[in-house]
N, C-alpha and C. Protein backbone atom coordinates (compact mmCIF):
# COMPACT_ATOMS: atom_id res chain seq x y z
N ASP A 1 1.12 9.08 -12.75
CA ASP A 1 2.51 8.76 -12.38
C ASP A 1 2.98 9.56 -11.17
N GLY A 2 2.06 10.07 -10.41
CA GLY A 2 2.41 10.89 -9.26
C GLY A 2 2.52 12.37 -9.61
N THR A 3 2.56 12.68 -10.92
CA THR A 3 2.61 14.07 -11.38
C THR A 3 1.51 14.32 -12.40
N GLU A 4 1.45 13.47 -13.41
CA GLU A 4 0.47 13.60 -14.49
C GLU A 4 -0.74 12.72 -14.21
N VAL A 5 -1.91 13.22 -14.60
CA VAL A 5 -3.16 12.47 -14.46
C VAL A 5 -3.82 12.41 -15.83
N VAL A 6 -4.20 11.21 -16.26
CA VAL A 6 -4.91 11.06 -17.53
C VAL A 6 -6.13 10.19 -17.30
N LEU A 7 -7.09 10.30 -18.22
CA LEU A 7 -8.29 9.48 -18.19
C LEU A 7 -8.18 8.35 -19.20
N THR A 8 -8.78 7.24 -18.88
CA THR A 8 -8.87 6.17 -19.87
C THR A 8 -9.94 6.54 -20.89
N ASP A 9 -9.82 5.97 -22.10
CA ASP A 9 -10.85 6.21 -23.12
C ASP A 9 -11.98 5.21 -22.94
N GLU A 10 -12.91 5.17 -23.90
CA GLU A 10 -14.09 4.30 -23.79
C GLU A 10 -13.72 2.82 -23.80
N ASN A 11 -12.50 2.50 -24.24
CA ASN A 11 -12.03 1.11 -24.24
C ASN A 11 -11.17 0.79 -23.02
N GLY A 12 -11.05 1.76 -22.13
CA GLY A 12 -10.22 1.55 -20.94
C GLY A 12 -8.74 1.70 -21.19
N GLU A 13 -8.37 2.28 -22.34
CA GLU A 13 -6.95 2.45 -22.67
C GLU A 13 -6.49 3.85 -22.27
N TYR A 14 -5.21 3.96 -21.94
CA TYR A 14 -4.65 5.26 -21.56
C TYR A 14 -3.25 5.39 -22.12
N ARG A 15 -2.82 6.63 -22.26
CA ARG A 15 -1.44 6.96 -22.59
C ARG A 15 -1.05 8.11 -21.68
N ILE A 16 0.14 8.05 -21.19
CA ILE A 16 0.61 9.12 -20.31
C ILE A 16 2.04 9.48 -20.70
N ARG A 17 2.28 10.74 -20.93
CA ARG A 17 3.64 11.20 -21.23
C ARG A 17 4.30 11.53 -19.88
N SER A 18 5.22 10.68 -19.49
CA SER A 18 5.81 10.78 -18.16
C SER A 18 7.31 10.95 -18.24
N ASN A 19 7.86 11.79 -17.38
CA ASN A 19 9.32 11.84 -17.28
C ASN A 19 9.85 10.75 -16.34
N LYS A 20 8.90 9.98 -15.77
CA LYS A 20 9.20 8.81 -14.94
C LYS A 20 10.03 9.12 -13.70
N SER A 21 10.03 10.37 -13.28
CA SER A 21 10.86 10.74 -12.13
C SER A 21 10.39 10.09 -10.83
N ASN A 22 9.12 9.71 -10.75
CA ASN A 22 8.62 9.08 -9.53
C ASN A 22 8.78 7.56 -9.54
N GLY A 23 9.04 7.01 -10.72
CA GLY A 23 9.34 5.59 -10.80
C GLY A 23 8.16 4.65 -10.80
N PHE A 24 6.93 5.18 -10.91
CA PHE A 24 5.76 4.30 -10.91
C PHE A 24 4.62 4.95 -11.68
N VAL A 25 3.66 4.13 -12.01
CA VAL A 25 2.38 4.58 -12.56
C VAL A 25 1.29 3.81 -11.81
N PHE A 26 0.19 4.50 -11.49
CA PHE A 26 -0.87 3.81 -10.77
C PHE A 26 -2.23 4.18 -11.32
N VAL A 27 -3.18 3.30 -11.10
CA VAL A 27 -4.56 3.57 -11.44
C VAL A 27 -5.27 3.95 -10.14
N SER A 28 -6.03 5.03 -10.19
CA SER A 28 -6.85 5.40 -9.04
C SER A 28 -8.10 4.53 -9.13
N ILE A 29 -8.12 3.48 -8.33
CA ILE A 29 -9.18 2.46 -8.43
C ILE A 29 -10.55 3.14 -8.35
N PRO A 30 -11.40 2.95 -9.36
CA PRO A 30 -12.73 3.57 -9.32
C PRO A 30 -13.61 2.93 -8.24
N GLY A 31 -14.60 3.68 -7.77
CA GLY A 31 -15.59 3.12 -6.86
C GLY A 31 -16.30 1.95 -7.53
N ASN A 32 -16.64 0.97 -6.71
CA ASN A 32 -17.31 -0.25 -7.19
C ASN A 32 -16.45 -1.08 -8.13
N TYR A 33 -15.15 -0.96 -7.95
CA TYR A 33 -14.18 -1.84 -8.60
C TYR A 33 -13.14 -2.21 -7.56
N THR A 34 -12.45 -3.29 -7.84
CA THR A 34 -11.31 -3.67 -7.02
C THR A 34 -10.21 -4.16 -7.95
N VAL A 35 -9.07 -4.52 -7.38
CA VAL A 35 -7.93 -5.01 -8.16
C VAL A 35 -7.44 -6.31 -7.55
N THR A 36 -6.55 -6.97 -8.26
CA THR A 36 -5.94 -8.19 -7.72
C THR A 36 -5.01 -7.81 -6.57
N THR A 37 -4.61 -8.80 -5.81
CA THR A 37 -3.70 -8.56 -4.69
C THR A 37 -2.48 -9.46 -4.79
N SER A 38 -1.42 -9.04 -4.13
CA SER A 38 -0.26 -9.87 -3.87
C SER A 38 -0.20 -10.00 -2.36
N GLY A 39 -0.45 -11.19 -1.87
CA GLY A 39 -0.72 -11.30 -0.44
C GLY A 39 -2.04 -10.59 -0.21
N ASN A 40 -2.02 -9.55 0.62
CA ASN A 40 -3.23 -8.73 0.77
C ASN A 40 -3.01 -7.30 0.27
N ARG A 41 -1.87 -7.06 -0.40
CA ARG A 41 -1.58 -5.72 -0.92
C ARG A 41 -2.20 -5.55 -2.31
N PRO A 42 -3.00 -4.51 -2.51
CA PRO A 42 -3.64 -4.28 -3.81
C PRO A 42 -2.63 -3.95 -4.89
N GLN A 43 -2.81 -4.51 -6.06
CA GLN A 43 -1.88 -4.33 -7.18
C GLN A 43 -2.42 -3.26 -8.13
N PHE A 44 -2.38 -2.01 -7.67
CA PHE A 44 -2.90 -0.88 -8.43
C PHE A 44 -1.79 -0.04 -9.05
N TYR A 45 -0.54 -0.45 -8.88
CA TYR A 45 0.57 0.34 -9.43
C TYR A 45 1.61 -0.59 -10.04
N ARG A 46 2.43 -0.01 -10.91
CA ARG A 46 3.54 -0.74 -11.51
C ARG A 46 4.77 0.14 -11.43
N ASN A 47 5.89 -0.47 -11.16
CA ASN A 47 7.16 0.25 -11.20
C ASN A 47 7.55 0.50 -12.64
N LEU A 48 8.09 1.68 -12.90
CA LEU A 48 8.59 2.01 -14.23
C LEU A 48 10.05 1.57 -14.30
N ASN A 49 10.42 0.93 -15.40
CA ASN A 49 11.71 0.26 -15.46
C ASN A 49 12.65 0.78 -16.52
N SER A 50 12.24 1.81 -17.25
CA SER A 50 13.03 2.25 -18.39
C SER A 50 13.23 3.76 -18.36
N PHE A 51 14.01 4.28 -19.31
CA PHE A 51 14.26 5.71 -19.42
C PHE A 51 13.01 6.43 -19.89
N ALA A 52 12.96 7.74 -19.67
CA ALA A 52 11.76 8.53 -19.99
C ALA A 52 11.40 8.48 -21.47
N ASP A 53 12.38 8.32 -22.34
CA ASP A 53 12.08 8.31 -23.78
C ASP A 53 11.70 6.93 -24.30
N ARG A 54 11.61 5.95 -23.42
CA ARG A 54 11.25 4.59 -23.82
C ARG A 54 9.81 4.29 -23.46
N LEU A 55 9.07 3.69 -24.39
CA LEU A 55 7.68 3.31 -24.15
C LEU A 55 7.63 2.11 -23.21
N GLU A 56 6.75 2.19 -22.25
CA GLU A 56 6.46 1.04 -21.39
C GLU A 56 4.96 0.80 -21.44
N ILE A 57 4.57 -0.46 -21.33
CA ILE A 57 3.16 -0.81 -21.31
C ILE A 57 2.85 -1.43 -19.95
N HIS A 58 1.89 -0.84 -19.26
CA HIS A 58 1.47 -1.36 -17.96
C HIS A 58 -0.05 -1.41 -17.92
N ASP A 59 -0.56 -2.61 -17.77
CA ASP A 59 -2.00 -2.83 -17.74
C ASP A 59 -2.46 -3.09 -16.31
N PHE A 60 -3.70 -2.73 -16.04
CA PHE A 60 -4.31 -2.96 -14.73
C PHE A 60 -5.63 -3.69 -14.93
N THR A 61 -5.88 -4.65 -14.08
CA THR A 61 -7.13 -5.39 -14.13
C THR A 61 -8.08 -4.80 -13.09
N LEU A 62 -9.20 -4.28 -13.56
CA LEU A 62 -10.23 -3.75 -12.65
C LEU A 62 -11.38 -4.75 -12.61
N ILE A 63 -11.75 -5.15 -11.41
CA ILE A 63 -12.77 -6.17 -11.21
C ILE A 63 -14.01 -5.51 -10.61
N PRO A 64 -15.16 -5.60 -11.30
CA PRO A 64 -16.38 -4.99 -10.74
C PRO A 64 -16.74 -5.62 -9.40
N VAL A 65 -17.13 -4.79 -8.45
CA VAL A 65 -17.54 -5.26 -7.13
C VAL A 65 -18.47 -4.20 -6.54
N ASP A 66 -19.47 -4.61 -5.82
CA ASP A 66 -20.34 -3.65 -5.14
C ASP A 66 -19.72 -3.35 -3.78
N ASN A 67 -19.02 -2.22 -3.69
CA ASN A 67 -18.45 -1.84 -2.39
C ASN A 67 -19.09 -0.55 -1.89
N SER A 68 -20.37 -0.37 -2.23
CA SER A 68 -21.09 0.80 -1.75
C SER A 68 -21.30 0.74 -0.23
N CYS A 69 -21.30 -0.46 0.32
CA CYS A 69 -21.41 -0.64 1.77
C CYS A 69 -20.16 -1.38 2.23
N TYR A 70 -19.31 -0.71 2.99
CA TYR A 70 -18.04 -1.32 3.37
C TYR A 70 -17.58 -0.83 4.74
N THR A 71 -16.61 -1.55 5.26
CA THR A 71 -15.96 -1.18 6.51
C THR A 71 -14.49 -0.95 6.21
N LEU A 72 -13.95 0.14 6.74
CA LEU A 72 -12.52 0.44 6.58
C LEU A 72 -11.86 0.40 7.95
N LEU A 73 -10.92 -0.52 8.11
CA LEU A 73 -10.14 -0.62 9.35
C LEU A 73 -8.88 0.21 9.19
N ILE A 74 -8.65 1.12 10.11
CA ILE A 74 -7.47 2.00 10.04
C ILE A 74 -6.59 1.70 11.24
N HIS A 75 -5.31 1.53 10.98
CA HIS A 75 -4.36 1.23 12.06
C HIS A 75 -3.02 1.87 11.75
N ALA A 76 -2.23 2.01 12.79
CA ALA A 76 -0.92 2.66 12.61
C ALA A 76 0.05 2.21 13.70
N ASP A 77 1.31 2.46 13.44
CA ASP A 77 2.37 2.35 14.46
C ASP A 77 2.52 0.96 15.05
N GLN A 78 2.57 -0.06 14.18
CA GLN A 78 2.86 -1.39 14.69
C GLN A 78 4.32 -1.48 15.16
N HIS A 79 5.22 -0.77 14.50
CA HIS A 79 6.64 -0.76 14.84
C HIS A 79 7.20 -2.18 15.00
N LEU A 80 6.89 -3.03 14.04
CA LEU A 80 7.36 -4.41 14.11
C LEU A 80 8.87 -4.45 13.93
N ALA A 81 9.54 -5.13 14.86
CA ALA A 81 11.01 -5.10 14.87
C ALA A 81 11.64 -6.39 15.37
N LYS A 82 10.83 -7.40 15.63
CA LYS A 82 11.33 -8.66 16.19
C LYS A 82 12.06 -8.41 17.51
N ARG A 83 11.36 -7.71 18.40
CA ARG A 83 11.89 -7.43 19.73
C ARG A 83 10.72 -7.43 20.72
N THR A 84 11.00 -7.65 21.95
CA THR A 84 9.99 -7.70 23.03
C THR A 84 8.75 -8.51 22.63
N GLU A 85 8.97 -9.60 21.92
CA GLU A 85 7.91 -10.54 21.53
C GLU A 85 6.80 -9.88 20.71
N ASP A 86 7.14 -8.83 19.95
CA ASP A 86 6.12 -8.12 19.17
C ASP A 86 5.53 -8.98 18.07
N ILE A 87 6.33 -9.81 17.42
CA ILE A 87 5.81 -10.65 16.34
C ILE A 87 4.88 -11.72 16.90
N GLU A 88 5.25 -12.29 18.02
CA GLU A 88 4.41 -13.30 18.66
C GLU A 88 3.08 -12.68 19.11
N GLN A 89 3.13 -11.49 19.69
CA GLN A 89 1.91 -10.82 20.14
C GLN A 89 1.02 -10.46 18.95
N LEU A 90 1.64 -10.04 17.86
CA LEU A 90 0.88 -9.74 16.65
C LEU A 90 0.12 -10.98 16.17
N SER A 91 0.83 -12.11 16.08
CA SER A 91 0.21 -13.32 15.53
C SER A 91 -0.75 -13.98 16.51
N GLN A 92 -0.53 -13.85 17.81
CA GLN A 92 -1.39 -14.53 18.79
C GLN A 92 -2.60 -13.71 19.21
N PHE A 93 -2.47 -12.39 19.20
CA PHE A 93 -3.55 -11.55 19.74
C PHE A 93 -4.13 -10.57 18.72
N VAL A 94 -3.26 -9.79 18.09
CA VAL A 94 -3.73 -8.69 17.24
C VAL A 94 -4.39 -9.22 15.96
N ILE A 95 -3.68 -10.06 15.21
CA ILE A 95 -4.23 -10.56 13.94
C ILE A 95 -5.53 -11.34 14.16
N PRO A 96 -5.59 -12.27 15.13
CA PRO A 96 -6.86 -12.98 15.35
C PRO A 96 -8.01 -12.03 15.70
N ASP A 97 -7.73 -10.98 16.49
CA ASP A 97 -8.77 -10.02 16.85
C ASP A 97 -9.25 -9.25 15.63
N ILE A 98 -8.31 -8.78 14.81
CA ILE A 98 -8.66 -8.07 13.58
C ILE A 98 -9.46 -8.99 12.65
N ASN A 99 -8.99 -10.21 12.49
CA ASN A 99 -9.68 -11.13 11.56
C ASN A 99 -11.07 -11.52 12.05
N ARG A 100 -11.28 -11.58 13.36
CA ARG A 100 -12.63 -11.81 13.89
C ARG A 100 -13.55 -10.67 13.48
N MET A 101 -13.04 -9.42 13.59
CA MET A 101 -13.83 -8.26 13.20
C MET A 101 -14.12 -8.29 11.70
N ILE A 102 -13.13 -8.65 10.90
CA ILE A 102 -13.31 -8.74 9.45
C ILE A 102 -14.37 -9.78 9.11
N PHE A 103 -14.27 -10.95 9.73
CA PHE A 103 -15.24 -12.02 9.49
C PHE A 103 -16.65 -11.55 9.86
N SER A 104 -16.78 -10.86 11.00
CA SER A 104 -18.07 -10.37 11.46
C SER A 104 -18.66 -9.36 10.47
N GLU A 105 -17.83 -8.45 9.95
CA GLU A 105 -18.31 -7.45 8.99
C GLU A 105 -18.68 -8.10 7.66
N LYS A 106 -17.89 -9.06 7.22
CA LYS A 106 -18.21 -9.77 5.97
C LYS A 106 -19.51 -10.55 6.12
N ALA A 107 -19.75 -11.11 7.31
CA ALA A 107 -20.98 -11.86 7.55
C ALA A 107 -22.22 -10.96 7.45
N LYS A 108 -22.03 -9.67 7.71
CA LYS A 108 -23.13 -8.69 7.58
C LYS A 108 -23.32 -8.26 6.13
N GLY A 109 -22.46 -8.73 5.24
CA GLY A 109 -22.55 -8.36 3.83
C GLY A 109 -21.68 -7.17 3.44
N ASN A 110 -20.85 -6.70 4.35
CA ASN A 110 -19.97 -5.56 4.06
C ASN A 110 -18.67 -6.03 3.43
N LYS A 111 -18.17 -5.28 2.47
CA LYS A 111 -16.80 -5.46 2.01
C LYS A 111 -15.91 -4.85 3.08
N VAL A 112 -14.71 -5.40 3.25
CA VAL A 112 -13.81 -4.90 4.28
C VAL A 112 -12.46 -4.57 3.67
N TYR A 113 -11.95 -3.40 4.00
CA TYR A 113 -10.64 -2.94 3.55
C TYR A 113 -9.88 -2.43 4.78
N SER A 114 -8.57 -2.34 4.62
CA SER A 114 -7.74 -1.85 5.71
C SER A 114 -6.76 -0.82 5.18
N LEU A 115 -6.46 0.17 5.99
CA LEU A 115 -5.51 1.21 5.63
C LEU A 115 -4.52 1.39 6.76
N SER A 116 -3.26 1.11 6.48
CA SER A 116 -2.19 1.34 7.45
C SER A 116 -1.70 2.77 7.30
N LEU A 117 -1.66 3.50 8.39
CA LEU A 117 -1.20 4.89 8.35
C LEU A 117 0.30 5.02 8.58
N GLY A 118 1.01 3.90 8.54
CA GLY A 118 2.47 3.97 8.56
C GLY A 118 3.11 3.40 9.80
N ASP A 119 4.43 3.31 9.73
CA ASP A 119 5.27 2.74 10.78
C ASP A 119 4.93 1.28 11.06
N ILE A 120 4.82 0.51 9.96
CA ILE A 120 4.66 -0.93 10.16
C ILE A 120 5.98 -1.53 10.64
N SER A 121 7.10 -0.85 10.33
CA SER A 121 8.41 -1.36 10.73
C SER A 121 9.07 -0.34 11.68
N TRP A 122 10.28 -0.67 12.08
CA TRP A 122 11.04 0.22 12.96
C TRP A 122 12.46 0.26 12.41
N ASP A 123 12.75 1.31 11.68
CA ASP A 123 14.01 1.42 10.93
C ASP A 123 15.25 1.14 11.76
N GLN A 124 15.23 1.50 13.02
CA GLN A 124 16.39 1.32 13.90
C GLN A 124 16.80 -0.16 14.00
N TYR A 125 15.85 -1.07 13.77
CA TYR A 125 16.12 -2.50 13.97
C TYR A 125 16.23 -3.30 12.68
N TRP A 126 16.20 -2.61 11.53
CA TRP A 126 16.28 -3.34 10.27
C TRP A 126 17.51 -4.24 10.24
N ARG A 127 18.64 -3.71 10.61
CA ARG A 127 19.88 -4.52 10.61
C ARG A 127 20.11 -5.17 11.97
N ALA A 128 19.86 -4.43 13.03
CA ALA A 128 20.15 -4.95 14.37
C ALA A 128 19.42 -6.26 14.65
N ASN A 129 18.18 -6.38 14.17
CA ASN A 129 17.39 -7.59 14.41
C ASN A 129 17.09 -8.36 13.14
N SER A 130 17.73 -7.96 12.03
CA SER A 130 17.48 -8.60 10.73
C SER A 130 15.98 -8.70 10.45
N PHE A 131 15.28 -7.59 10.64
CA PHE A 131 13.84 -7.55 10.42
C PHE A 131 13.50 -6.19 9.83
N ASP A 132 13.31 -6.17 8.51
CA ASP A 132 13.10 -4.88 7.85
C ASP A 132 11.65 -4.69 7.42
N ILE A 133 11.41 -3.70 6.61
CA ILE A 133 10.05 -3.36 6.21
C ILE A 133 9.37 -4.50 5.43
N MET A 134 10.14 -5.24 4.66
CA MET A 134 9.55 -6.36 3.92
C MET A 134 9.09 -7.45 4.87
N ASP A 135 9.84 -7.68 5.95
CA ASP A 135 9.42 -8.65 6.96
C ASP A 135 8.16 -8.18 7.67
N ALA A 136 8.09 -6.89 7.96
CA ALA A 136 6.90 -6.33 8.61
C ALA A 136 5.68 -6.47 7.71
N ALA A 137 5.84 -6.14 6.43
CA ALA A 137 4.72 -6.26 5.48
C ALA A 137 4.26 -7.71 5.37
N LYS A 138 5.21 -8.63 5.36
CA LYS A 138 4.87 -10.06 5.29
C LYS A 138 4.06 -10.48 6.52
N SER A 139 4.43 -9.96 7.69
CA SER A 139 3.70 -10.28 8.92
C SER A 139 2.25 -9.82 8.86
N LEU A 140 2.02 -8.67 8.20
CA LEU A 140 0.67 -8.11 8.12
C LEU A 140 -0.17 -8.76 7.02
N GLU A 141 0.43 -9.63 6.22
CA GLU A 141 -0.35 -10.34 5.20
C GLU A 141 -1.36 -11.29 5.82
N ALA A 142 -1.24 -11.56 7.10
CA ALA A 142 -2.21 -12.42 7.78
C ALA A 142 -3.54 -11.72 8.01
N ILE A 143 -3.58 -10.39 7.83
CA ILE A 143 -4.85 -9.66 7.92
C ILE A 143 -5.69 -10.07 6.71
N ASP A 144 -6.90 -10.52 6.96
CA ASP A 144 -7.72 -11.17 5.94
C ASP A 144 -8.58 -10.19 5.13
N CYS A 145 -7.95 -9.12 4.65
CA CYS A 145 -8.64 -8.19 3.75
C CYS A 145 -7.57 -7.39 3.00
N MET A 146 -8.01 -6.68 1.97
CA MET A 146 -7.10 -5.84 1.19
C MET A 146 -6.53 -4.75 2.08
N LEU A 147 -5.20 -4.59 2.04
CA LEU A 147 -4.51 -3.65 2.92
C LEU A 147 -3.74 -2.61 2.12
N PHE A 148 -4.18 -1.35 2.20
CA PHE A 148 -3.48 -0.23 1.59
C PHE A 148 -2.45 0.30 2.60
N HIS A 149 -1.32 0.80 2.09
CA HIS A 149 -0.25 1.26 2.97
C HIS A 149 0.09 2.73 2.75
N THR A 150 0.38 3.41 3.85
CA THR A 150 0.95 4.76 3.87
C THR A 150 2.33 4.63 4.49
N ILE A 151 3.31 5.36 3.96
CA ILE A 151 4.65 5.30 4.55
C ILE A 151 4.70 6.10 5.85
N GLY A 152 5.39 5.55 6.83
CA GLY A 152 5.64 6.26 8.08
C GLY A 152 7.12 6.60 8.18
N ASN A 153 7.47 7.45 9.11
CA ASN A 153 8.88 7.83 9.22
C ASN A 153 9.78 6.63 9.50
N HIS A 154 9.29 5.64 10.24
CA HIS A 154 10.11 4.45 10.54
C HIS A 154 10.11 3.42 9.41
N ASP A 155 9.40 3.72 8.31
CA ASP A 155 9.39 2.84 7.15
C ASP A 155 10.38 3.29 6.09
N ASN A 156 11.17 4.30 6.38
CA ASN A 156 12.22 4.79 5.48
C ASN A 156 13.53 4.08 5.79
N ASN A 157 14.35 3.93 4.78
CA ASN A 157 15.64 3.26 4.93
C ASN A 157 16.59 4.17 5.71
N PRO A 158 17.01 3.78 6.92
CA PRO A 158 17.85 4.65 7.74
C PRO A 158 19.30 4.72 7.27
N TYR A 159 19.64 3.91 6.27
CA TYR A 159 21.03 3.85 5.81
C TYR A 159 21.24 4.68 4.55
N VAL A 160 20.23 5.48 4.20
CA VAL A 160 20.30 6.38 3.05
C VAL A 160 19.94 7.77 3.55
N SER A 161 20.75 8.77 3.20
CA SER A 161 20.55 10.10 3.78
C SER A 161 19.54 10.96 3.05
N ASP A 162 19.18 10.61 1.82
CA ASP A 162 18.29 11.42 1.01
C ASP A 162 16.83 11.07 1.27
N ASP A 163 15.95 12.07 1.40
CA ASP A 163 14.54 11.83 1.69
C ASP A 163 13.88 10.94 0.65
N TRP A 164 14.05 11.24 -0.63
CA TRP A 164 13.42 10.47 -1.70
C TRP A 164 14.02 9.06 -1.78
N GLU A 165 15.34 8.97 -1.72
CA GLU A 165 16.00 7.67 -1.83
C GLU A 165 15.69 6.78 -0.63
N SER A 166 15.46 7.37 0.53
CA SER A 166 15.19 6.56 1.72
C SER A 166 13.84 5.84 1.63
N SER A 167 12.95 6.33 0.76
CA SER A 167 11.65 5.66 0.61
C SER A 167 11.64 4.68 -0.56
N TYR A 168 12.79 4.45 -1.19
CA TYR A 168 12.87 3.60 -2.38
C TYR A 168 12.37 2.18 -2.11
N ILE A 169 12.80 1.57 -1.02
CA ILE A 169 12.39 0.19 -0.72
C ILE A 169 10.87 0.11 -0.56
N PHE A 170 10.30 1.10 0.12
CA PHE A 170 8.84 1.14 0.29
C PHE A 170 8.16 1.25 -1.07
N ARG A 171 8.62 2.19 -1.89
CA ARG A 171 7.99 2.41 -3.21
C ARG A 171 8.12 1.21 -4.12
N GLN A 172 9.24 0.53 -4.09
CA GLN A 172 9.47 -0.61 -4.97
C GLN A 172 8.68 -1.85 -4.54
N ASN A 173 8.42 -1.98 -3.25
CA ASN A 173 7.89 -3.25 -2.74
C ASN A 173 6.54 -3.18 -2.04
N ILE A 174 6.17 -2.03 -1.51
CA ILE A 174 4.94 -1.94 -0.73
C ILE A 174 3.86 -1.17 -1.47
N ALA A 175 4.14 0.10 -1.81
CA ALA A 175 3.17 0.96 -2.50
C ALA A 175 3.86 2.27 -2.87
N PRO A 176 3.26 3.04 -3.77
CA PRO A 176 3.77 4.40 -3.97
C PRO A 176 3.66 5.18 -2.66
N THR A 177 4.41 6.24 -2.53
CA THR A 177 4.34 7.04 -1.30
C THR A 177 3.22 8.06 -1.36
N TYR A 178 2.63 8.25 -2.52
CA TYR A 178 1.39 9.01 -2.62
C TYR A 178 0.58 8.47 -3.79
N TYR A 179 -0.71 8.32 -3.55
CA TYR A 179 -1.61 7.73 -4.55
C TYR A 179 -3.04 7.99 -4.10
N SER A 180 -3.99 7.58 -4.91
CA SER A 180 -5.39 7.71 -4.52
C SER A 180 -6.16 6.48 -4.96
N PHE A 181 -7.31 6.29 -4.34
CA PHE A 181 -8.20 5.19 -4.71
C PHE A 181 -9.61 5.55 -4.23
N ASN A 182 -10.58 4.87 -4.79
CA ASN A 182 -11.98 5.06 -4.41
C ASN A 182 -12.53 3.77 -3.85
N ILE A 183 -13.32 3.88 -2.80
CA ILE A 183 -14.12 2.77 -2.31
C ILE A 183 -15.54 3.31 -2.22
N GLY A 184 -16.46 2.69 -2.94
CA GLY A 184 -17.81 3.22 -2.98
C GLY A 184 -17.79 4.65 -3.48
N GLU A 185 -18.35 5.57 -2.71
CA GLU A 185 -18.43 6.96 -3.12
C GLU A 185 -17.35 7.84 -2.49
N ILE A 186 -16.40 7.23 -1.80
CA ILE A 186 -15.37 8.00 -1.10
C ILE A 186 -14.05 7.92 -1.86
N HIS A 187 -13.43 9.07 -2.06
CA HIS A 187 -12.12 9.17 -2.71
C HIS A 187 -11.07 9.38 -1.62
N TYR A 188 -10.10 8.46 -1.55
CA TYR A 188 -9.03 8.52 -0.55
C TYR A 188 -7.75 8.98 -1.22
N VAL A 189 -7.04 9.88 -0.56
CA VAL A 189 -5.75 10.35 -1.05
C VAL A 189 -4.70 10.03 0.01
N VAL A 190 -3.68 9.28 -0.38
CA VAL A 190 -2.60 8.89 0.52
C VAL A 190 -1.38 9.74 0.18
N LEU A 191 -0.82 10.38 1.21
CA LEU A 191 0.30 11.30 0.99
C LEU A 191 1.48 10.95 1.88
N ASP A 192 2.67 11.23 1.40
CA ASP A 192 3.89 11.14 2.19
C ASP A 192 4.18 12.55 2.70
N ASN A 193 3.93 12.80 3.97
CA ASN A 193 4.17 14.13 4.53
C ASN A 193 5.42 14.17 5.40
N ILE A 194 6.34 13.23 5.14
CA ILE A 194 7.54 13.11 5.96
C ILE A 194 8.75 13.61 5.18
N ILE A 195 9.56 14.43 5.81
CA ILE A 195 10.89 14.74 5.26
C ILE A 195 11.86 13.96 6.12
N TYR A 196 12.40 12.90 5.54
CA TYR A 196 13.22 11.96 6.30
C TYR A 196 14.69 12.35 6.20
N ASN A 197 15.29 12.63 7.32
CA ASN A 197 16.72 12.97 7.32
C ASN A 197 17.44 12.28 8.44
């Protein structure tokens, strides 16, 4: 849950005593497994919806896959804001180029994953151009592989003054602000190292 870590038992069941202060629970995807997606975002976490003293049940589907040989595409700072033809350039040039690379790697037998290092959106233009982080994430769904997200400073809500509260939209809709996952033999840790004010 971002604070407590537990192991599943031999039946894949887990229990975690959580104060739910982070608002989510996630599974650290094991190597040689994958999860379902929504668009291209991996569904490895669930939002917690109740008080700390209330039981919640959240299940995760782990799908066996051989990802011992894979390609990881890393990108950052798209700053999508519906200005200076950025959305058109993304759809006409960037996405087709990325997808050609993905197709080429898949043709070699490699699994392909992507990791955004943040700033998919540009907070200054969320209201000015009616294009917020959810619009930016939707634009990146055209990338033809599973896409993990890291929060960037421009992915925080500029209309909320609190650091934790400003990341609420990201946490509720994109991904936790810190989590981990495995691909093959590599363990990845995603962290929010931003104090947003």
